[in-house]
Amino acid sequence: MDVREVLNAVFYLLSTGCQWSALPKDLPPKSTVWDYFSRWEWASTIERIHHTLYVAVREQAGREASPTTAIIDSQTAKDAQKGALRSIRPDITRARRSSAASATC
């Protein structure tokens, strides 16, 4: 098996968000890709590949490998101060319940 093709399939899945069953036929079989992916995920290989590519792209763009500044928009900061995530949660739960109830009717 050509490991590069397996890696291409993993990149395709991660970048498109498609389902495993929708993997194009010109890539390796989904069972092979899943086997490699699960091994790489368990060994943190995917994370190391991502970090290596991230550093390379930043350096190619003329930036430092690691960003030195974080940017948070003012609305996010205001919401965090108010505890917005906790206040939104019950609304989401209610919405899920009401949509589940209407789906069963």
C-alpha atoms as a PDB file:
ATOM      1  CA  MET A   1       0.000   0.000   0.000  1.00  0.00           C
ATOM      2  CA  ASP A   2       1.264   3.462  -0.916  1.00  0.00           C
ATOM      3  CA  VAL A   3       1.270   5.338   2.399  1.00  0.00           C
ATOM      4  CA  ARG A   4       1.267   8.680   0.554  1.00  0.00           C
ATOM      5  CA  GLU A   5      -2.114   7.797  -0.978  1.00  0.00           C
ATOM      6  CA  VAL A   6      -3.428   6.893   2.470  1.00  0.00           C
ATOM      7  CA  LEU A   7      -2.222  10.259   3.753  1.00  0.00           C
ATOM      8  CA  ASN A   8      -3.926  11.964   0.791  1.00  0.00           C
ATOM      9  CA  ALA A   9      -7.164  10.188   1.746  1.00  0.00           C
ATOM     10  CA  VAL A  10      -6.837  11.315   5.375  1.00  0.00           C
ATOM     11  CA  PHE A  11      -6.190  14.903   4.256  1.00  0.00           C
ATOM     12  CA  TYR A  12      -9.225  14.678   1.962  1.00  0.00           C
ATOM     13  CA  LEU A  13     -11.454  13.474   4.806  1.00  0.00           C
ATOM     14  CA  LEU A  14     -10.193  16.102   7.227  1.00  0.00           C
ATOM     15  CA  SER A  15     -10.406  18.992   4.770  1.00  0.00           C
ATOM     16  CA  THR A  16     -13.840  18.181   3.321  1.00  0.00           C
ATOM     17  CA  GLY A  17     -15.499  16.648   6.357  1.00  0.00           C
ATOM     18  CA  CYS A  18     -17.046  13.997   4.135  1.00  0.00           C
ATOM     19  CA  GLN A  19     -18.255  10.678   5.488  1.00  0.00           C
ATOM     20  CA  TRP A  20     -15.949   7.669   5.340  1.00  0.00           C
ATOM     21  CA  SER A  21     -18.386   5.960   2.991  1.00  0.00           C
ATOM     22  CA  ALA A  22     -18.109   8.914   0.573  1.00  0.00           C
ATOM     23  CA  LEU A  23     -14.341   8.535   0.128  1.00  0.00           C
ATOM     24  CA  PRO A  24     -13.616   8.791  -3.629  1.00  0.00           C
ATOM     25  CA  LYS A  25     -12.834   5.527  -5.400  1.00  0.00           C
ATOM     26  CA  ASP A  26      -9.441   6.781  -6.661  1.00  0.00           C
ATOM     27  CA  LEU A  27      -8.171   6.777  -3.057  1.00  0.00           C
ATOM     28  CA  PRO A  28      -7.376   3.620  -1.044  1.00  0.00           C
ATOM     29  CA  PRO A  29     -10.286   1.636   0.458  1.00  0.00           C
ATOM     30  CA  LYS A  30     -11.930   3.222   3.485  1.00  0.00           C
ATOM     31  CA  SER A  31     -11.009   0.243   5.684  1.00  0.00           C
ATOM     32  CA  THR A  32      -7.312   0.759   4.918  1.00  0.00           C
ATOM     33  CA  VAL A  33      -7.525   4.503   5.441  1.00  0.00           C
ATOM     34  CA  TRP A  34      -9.417   4.008   8.720  1.00  0.00           C
ATOM     35  CA  ASP A  35      -6.806   1.522   9.965  1.00  0.00           C
ATOM     36  CA  TYR A  36      -3.932   3.929   9.287  1.00  0.00           C
ATOM     37  CA  PHE A  37      -5.887   6.917  10.617  1.00  0.00           C
ATOM     38  CA  SER A  38      -6.783   5.209  13.890  1.00  0.00           C
ATOM     39  CA  ARG A  39      -3.169   4.102  14.422  1.00  0.00           C
ATOM     40  CA  TRP A  40      -1.853   7.578  13.612  1.00  0.00           C
ATOM     41  CA  GLU A  41      -4.451   9.211  15.857  1.00  0.00           C
ATOM     42  CA  TRP A  42      -3.562   6.895  18.748  1.00  0.00           C
ATOM     43  CA  ALA A  43       0.181   7.616  18.339  1.00  0.00           C
ATOM     44  CA  SER A  44      -0.423  11.404  17.926  1.00  0.00           C
ATOM     45  CA  THR A  45       1.052  11.228  14.424  1.00  0.00           C
ATOM     46  CA  ILE A  46      -1.773  13.324  12.961  1.00  0.00           C
ATOM     47  CA  GLU A  47      -1.104  16.034  15.548  1.00  0.00           C
ATOM     48  CA  ARG A  48       2.635  16.022  14.746  1.00  0.00           C
ATOM     49  CA  ILE A  49       1.952  16.202  10.993  1.00  0.00           C
ATOM     50  CA  HIS A  50      -0.405  19.139  11.576  1.00  0.00           C
ATOM     51  CA  HIS A  51       2.160  20.976  13.719  1.00  0.00           C
ATOM     52  CA  THR A  52       4.960  20.407  11.186  1.00  0.00           C
ATOM     53  CA  LEU A  53       2.808  21.688   8.307  1.00  0.00           C
ATOM     54  CA  TYR A  54       1.612  24.648  10.406  1.00  0.00           C
ATOM     55  CA  VAL A  55       5.191  25.710  11.194  1.00  0.00           C
ATOM     56  CA  ALA A  56       6.283  25.268   7.563  1.00  0.00           C
ATOM     57  CA  VAL A  57       3.398  27.380   6.223  1.00  0.00           C
ATOM     58  CA  ARG A  58       4.030  30.173   8.756  1.00  0.00           C
ATOM     59  CA  GLU A  59       7.743  30.244   7.931  1.00  0.00           C
ATOM     60  CA  GLN A  60       7.010  30.198   4.184  1.00  0.00           C
ATOM     61  CA  ALA A  61       4.768  33.237   4.723  1.00  0.00           C
ATOM     62  CA  GLY A  62       7.643  35.024   6.488  1.00  0.00           C
ATOM     63  CA  ARG A  63       6.148  34.719   9.968  1.00  0.00           C
ATOM     64  CA  GLU A  64       7.573  33.268  13.136  1.00  0.00           C
ATOM     65  CA  ALA A  65       6.876  29.566  13.619  1.00  0.00           C
ATOM     66  CA  SER A  66       4.761  30.256  16.707  1.00  0.00           C
ATOM     67  CA  PRO A  67       2.413  33.222  16.942  1.00  0.00           C
ATOM     68  CA  THR A  68       3.321  35.660  19.705  1.00  0.00           C
ATOM     69  CA  THR A  69      -0.039  37.425  19.966  1.00  0.00           C
ATOM     70  CA  ALA A  70      -3.595  36.222  20.398  1.00  0.00           C
ATOM     71  CA  ILE A  71      -6.456  38.274  19.009  1.00  0.00           C
ATOM     72  CA  ILE A  72      -9.894  38.130  20.608  1.00  0.00           C
ATOM     73  CA  ASP A  73     -12.714  40.244  19.273  1.00  0.00           C
ATOM     74  CA  SER A  74     -14.460  42.527  21.750  1.00  0.00           C
ATOM     75  CA  GLN A  75     -17.793  40.685  21.525  1.00  0.00           C
ATOM     76  CA  THR A  76     -16.171  37.403  22.566  1.00  0.00           C
ATOM     77  CA  ALA A  77     -14.531  39.121  25.526  1.00  0.00           C
ATOM     78  CA  LYS A  78     -17.847  40.705  26.600  1.00  0.00           C
ATOM     79  CA  ASP A  79     -19.666  37.373  26.339  1.00  0.00           C
ATOM     80  CA  ALA A  80     -16.994  35.626  28.372  1.00  0.00           C
ATOM     81  CA  GLN A  81     -17.302  38.227  31.136  1.00  0.00           C
ATOM     82  CA  LYS A  82     -21.070  37.747  31.253  1.00  0.00           C
ATOM     83  CA  GLY A  83     -20.819  33.966  31.238  1.00  0.00           C
ATOM     84  CA  ALA A  84     -22.630  33.802  27.912  1.00  0.00           C
ATOM     85  CA  LEU A  85     -21.771  30.208  27.135  1.00  0.00           C
ATOM     86  CA  ARG A  86     -23.563  29.021  30.260  1.00  0.00           C
ATOM     87  CA  SER A  87     -26.573  31.224  29.569  1.00  0.00           C
ATOM     88  CA  ILE A  88     -26.890  29.926  25.982  1.00  0.00           C
ATOM     89  CA  ARG A  89     -26.750  26.257  26.935  1.00  0.00           C
ATOM     90  CA  PRO A  90     -30.348  25.934  28.265  1.00  0.00           C
ATOM     91  CA  ASP A  91     -31.683  27.500  25.055  1.00  0.00           C
ATOM     92  CA  ILE A  92     -29.802  24.965  22.962  1.00  0.00           C
ATOM     93  CA  THR A  93     -31.128  22.130  25.097  1.00  0.00           C
ATOM     94  CA  ARG A  94     -34.702  23.439  24.796  1.00  0.00           C
ATOM     95  CA  ALA A  95     -34.302  23.768  21.017  1.00  0.00           C
ATOM     96  CA  ARG A  96     -33.072  20.192  20.738  1.00  0.00           C
ATOM     97  CA  ARG A  97     -35.971  18.918  22.844  1.00  0.00           C
ATOM     98  CA  SER A  98     -38.559  20.806  20.817  1.00  0.00           C
ATOM     99  CA  SER A  99     -37.106  19.664  17.494  1.00  0.00           C
ATOM    100  CA  ALA A 100     -36.932  16.058  18.752  1.00  0.00           C
ATOM    101  CA  ALA A 101     -40.556  16.251  19.912  1.00  0.00           C
ATOM    102  CA  SER A 102     -41.739  17.628  16.573  1.00  0.00           C
ATOM    103  CA  ALA A 103     -39.763  14.957  14.705  1.00  0.00           C
ATOM    104  CA  THR A 104     -41.583  12.172  16.551  1.00  0.00           C
ATOM    105  CA  CYS A 105     -45.049  13.637  15.868  1.00  0.00           C
END
